[in-house]
């Protein structure tokens, strides 16, 4: 394999809009996680508290047993399976609607 990696730093740069959107997404994700943990820490919502504790314990145990790359690969596989089932559900809805001579919806309503 002969792969050329660009050495010029100008080729590695991204636009300001792309950087802003990446960091905005990251900030929103971190903010959402912080708010969930903050609500769980107050103890007012017992179900959320136990869900967070159980999730953190399972992630801790999983991290001790399995290498990080394996966990990342399994997560990617689960994401692909979720996307496949979601798409197939959309396609089955489209086909059932098509057989009744209606237009196909753009998304599945749960």
C-alpha atoms as a PDB file:
ATOM      1  CA  UNK A   1       0.000   0.000   0.000  1.00  0.00           C
ATOM      2  CA  UNK A   2       1.408   3.301  -1.062  1.00  0.00           C
ATOM      3  CA  UNK A   3      -0.580   5.963   0.810  1.00  0.00           C
ATOM      4  CA  UNK A   4       0.461   9.561   0.573  1.00  0.00           C
ATOM      5  CA  UNK A   5      -0.183  11.604   3.716  1.00  0.00           C
ATOM      6  CA  UNK A   6      -0.165  15.361   3.153  1.00  0.00           C
ATOM      7  CA  UNK A   7       2.567  17.063   5.139  1.00  0.00           C
ATOM      8  CA  UNK A   8       1.513  20.606   4.311  1.00  0.00           C
ATOM      9  CA  UNK A   9      -0.436  22.021   7.294  1.00  0.00           C
ATOM     10  CA  UNK A  10      -2.619  24.092   4.983  1.00  0.00           C
ATOM     11  CA  UNK A  11      -4.111  20.880   3.564  1.00  0.00           C
ATOM     12  CA  UNK A  12      -5.243  19.801   7.041  1.00  0.00           C
ATOM     13  CA  UNK A  13      -7.178  22.982   7.807  1.00  0.00           C
ATOM     14  CA  UNK A  14     -10.968  23.123   7.950  1.00  0.00           C
ATOM     15  CA  UNK A  15     -13.194  26.114   7.485  1.00  0.00           C
ATOM     16  CA  UNK A  16     -14.295  28.313  10.374  1.00  0.00           C
ATOM     17  CA  UNK A  17     -17.939  27.294   9.861  1.00  0.00           C
ATOM     18  CA  UNK A  18     -17.048  23.596  10.055  1.00  0.00           C
ATOM     19  CA  UNK A  19     -15.044  24.137  13.237  1.00  0.00           C
ATOM     20  CA  UNK A  20     -17.877  26.150  14.786  1.00  0.00           C
ATOM     21  CA  UNK A  21     -20.461  23.491  13.942  1.00  0.00           C
ATOM     22  CA  UNK A  22     -18.262  20.687  15.314  1.00  0.00           C
ATOM     23  CA  UNK A  23     -17.670  22.498  18.597  1.00  0.00           C
ATOM     24  CA  UNK A  24     -21.328  23.555  18.868  1.00  0.00           C
ATOM     25  CA  UNK A  25     -22.387  19.921  18.502  1.00  0.00           C
ATOM     26  CA  UNK A  26     -19.812  18.863  21.075  1.00  0.00           C
ATOM     27  CA  UNK A  27     -20.935  21.588  23.491  1.00  0.00           C
ATOM     28  CA  UNK A  28     -24.602  20.601  23.089  1.00  0.00           C
ATOM     29  CA  UNK A  29     -23.788  16.946  23.749  1.00  0.00           C
ATOM     30  CA  UNK A  30     -21.740  17.755  26.825  1.00  0.00           C
ATOM     31  CA  UNK A  31     -24.414  20.169  28.061  1.00  0.00           C
ATOM     32  CA  UNK A  32     -27.141  17.549  27.665  1.00  0.00           C
ATOM     33  CA  UNK A  33     -25.081  14.962  29.526  1.00  0.00           C
ATOM     34  CA  UNK A  34     -24.338  17.483  32.264  1.00  0.00           C
ATOM     35  CA  UNK A  35     -28.015  18.326  32.709  1.00  0.00           C
ATOM     36  CA  UNK A  36     -28.988  14.635  32.920  1.00  0.00           C
ATOM     37  CA  UNK A  37     -26.280  13.987  35.498  1.00  0.00           C
ATOM     38  CA  UNK A  38     -27.263  17.128  37.429  1.00  0.00           C
ATOM     39  CA  UNK A  39     -30.916  16.013  37.637  1.00  0.00           C
ATOM     40  CA  UNK A  40     -29.846  12.492  38.574  1.00  0.00           C
ATOM     41  CA  UNK A  41     -27.523  13.815  41.295  1.00  0.00           C
ATOM     42  CA  UNK A  42     -30.304  15.751  43.004  1.00  0.00           C
ATOM     43  CA  UNK A  43     -32.110  12.499  43.720  1.00  0.00           C
ATOM     44  CA  UNK A  44     -35.567  13.840  42.880  1.00  0.00           C
ATOM     45  CA  UNK A  45     -35.989  11.443  39.957  1.00  0.00           C
ATOM     46  CA  UNK A  46     -35.168   8.031  41.419  1.00  0.00           C
ATOM     47  CA  UNK A  47     -35.592   6.106  38.140  1.00  0.00           C
ATOM     48  CA  UNK A  48     -33.175   8.415  36.304  1.00  0.00           C
ATOM     49  CA  UNK A  49     -30.709   8.174  39.196  1.00  0.00           C
ATOM     50  CA  UNK A  50     -30.715   4.366  39.123  1.00  0.00           C
ATOM     51  CA  UNK A  51     -30.476   4.318  35.319  1.00  0.00           C
ATOM     52  CA  UNK A  52     -27.404   6.566  35.426  1.00  0.00           C
ATOM     53  CA  UNK A  53     -25.789   4.542  38.217  1.00  0.00           C
ATOM     54  CA  UNK A  54     -26.460   1.250  36.403  1.00  0.00           C
ATOM     55  CA  UNK A  55     -25.178   2.639  33.082  1.00  0.00           C
ATOM     56  CA  UNK A  56     -21.985   3.971  34.648  1.00  0.00           C
ATOM     57  CA  UNK A  57     -21.403   0.684  36.500  1.00  0.00           C
ATOM     58  CA  UNK A  58     -21.910  -1.364  33.322  1.00  0.00           C
ATOM     59  CA  UNK A  59     -19.590   0.904  31.345  1.00  0.00           C
ATOM     60  CA  UNK A  60     -16.983   0.618  34.092  1.00  0.00           C
ATOM     61  CA  UNK A  61     -17.210  -3.182  34.148  1.00  0.00           C
ATOM     62  CA  UNK A  62     -17.151  -3.341  30.357  1.00  0.00           C
ATOM     63  CA  UNK A  63     -14.087  -1.097  30.269  1.00  0.00           C
ATOM     64  CA  UNK A  64     -12.230  -3.442  32.586  1.00  0.00           C
ATOM     65  CA  UNK A  65     -13.102  -6.579  30.628  1.00  0.00           C
ATOM     66  CA  UNK A  66     -12.845  -5.520  27.000  1.00  0.00           C
ATOM     67  CA  UNK A  67     -10.337  -3.350  25.123  1.00  0.00           C
ATOM     68  CA  UNK A  68     -11.557   0.081  24.006  1.00  0.00           C
ATOM     69  CA  UNK A  69     -11.253  -0.738  20.308  1.00  0.00           C
ATOM     70  CA  UNK A  70     -13.592  -3.706  20.731  1.00  0.00           C
ATOM     71  CA  UNK A  71     -16.172  -1.569  22.523  1.00  0.00           C
ATOM     72  CA  UNK A  72     -15.949   1.098  19.811  1.00  0.00           C
ATOM     73  CA  UNK A  73     -16.359  -1.514  17.074  1.00  0.00           C
ATOM     74  CA  UNK A  74     -19.344  -3.083  18.836  1.00  0.00           C
ATOM     75  CA  UNK A  75     -20.908   0.360  19.245  1.00  0.00           C
ATOM     76  CA  UNK A  76     -20.424   1.037  15.547  1.00  0.00           C
ATOM     77  CA  UNK A  77     -22.033  -2.309  14.697  1.00  0.00           C
ATOM     78  CA  UNK A  78     -25.003  -1.553  16.956  1.00  0.00           C
ATOM     79  CA  UNK A  79     -25.390   1.877  15.378  1.00  0.00           C
ATOM     80  CA  UNK A  80     -25.390   0.315  11.907  1.00  0.00           C
ATOM     81  CA  UNK A  81     -27.979  -2.261  12.973  1.00  0.00           C
ATOM     82  CA  UNK A  82     -30.164   0.480  14.430  1.00  0.00           C
ATOM     83  CA  UNK A  83     -29.915   2.514  11.237  1.00  0.00           C
ATOM     84  CA  UNK A  84     -30.705  -0.583   9.149  1.00  0.00           C
ATOM     85  CA  UNK A  85     -33.807  -1.439  11.186  1.00  0.00           C
ATOM     86  CA  UNK A  86     -34.955   2.165  11.149  1.00  0.00           C
ATOM     87  CA  UNK A  87     -34.519   2.326   7.381  1.00  0.00           C
ATOM     88  CA  UNK A  88     -36.251  -1.011   6.837  1.00  0.00           C
ATOM     89  CA  UNK A  89     -39.174   0.163   8.989  1.00  0.00           C
ATOM     90  CA  UNK A  90     -39.378   3.281   6.840  1.00  0.00           C
ATOM     91  CA  UNK A  91     -39.223   1.201   3.672  1.00  0.00           C
ATOM     92  CA  UNK A  92     -41.947  -1.192   4.885  1.00  0.00           C
ATOM     93  CA  UNK A  93     -44.121   1.823   5.707  1.00  0.00           C
ATOM     94  CA  UNK A  94     -43.475   3.215   2.234  1.00  0.00           C
ATOM     95  CA  UNK A  95     -44.386  -0.082   0.576  1.00  0.00           C
ATOM     96  CA  UNK A  96     -47.571  -0.490   2.599  1.00  0.00           C
ATOM     97  CA  UNK A  97     -48.592   3.063   1.757  1.00  0.00           C
ATOM     98  CA  UNK A  98     -47.677   2.543  -1.891  1.00  0.00           C
ATOM     99  CA  UNK A  99     -49.926  -0.492  -2.119  1.00  0.00           C
ATOM    100  CA  UNK A 100     -52.817   1.709  -0.962  1.00  0.00           C
ATOM    101  CA  UNK A 101     -51.901   4.348  -3.602  1.00  0.00           C
ATOM    102  CA  UNK A 102     -50.722   7.041  -1.186  1.00  0.00           C
ATOM    103  CA  UNK A 103     -47.542   9.075  -1.085  1.00  0.00           C
ATOM    104  CA  UNK A 104     -44.653   7.759   1.000  1.00  0.00           C
ATOM    105  CA  UNK A 105     -43.943   9.720   4.220  1.00  0.00           C
ATOM    106  CA  UNK A 106     -40.492  11.195   4.750  1.00  0.00           C
ATOM    107  CA  UNK A 107     -40.188   9.750   8.244  1.00  0.00           C
ATOM    108  CA  UNK A 108     -41.776   7.115  10.416  1.00  0.00           C
ATOM    109  CA  UNK A 109     -44.076   8.468  13.100  1.00  0.00           C
ATOM    110  CA  UNK A 110     -43.728   6.527  16.376  1.00  0.00           C
END
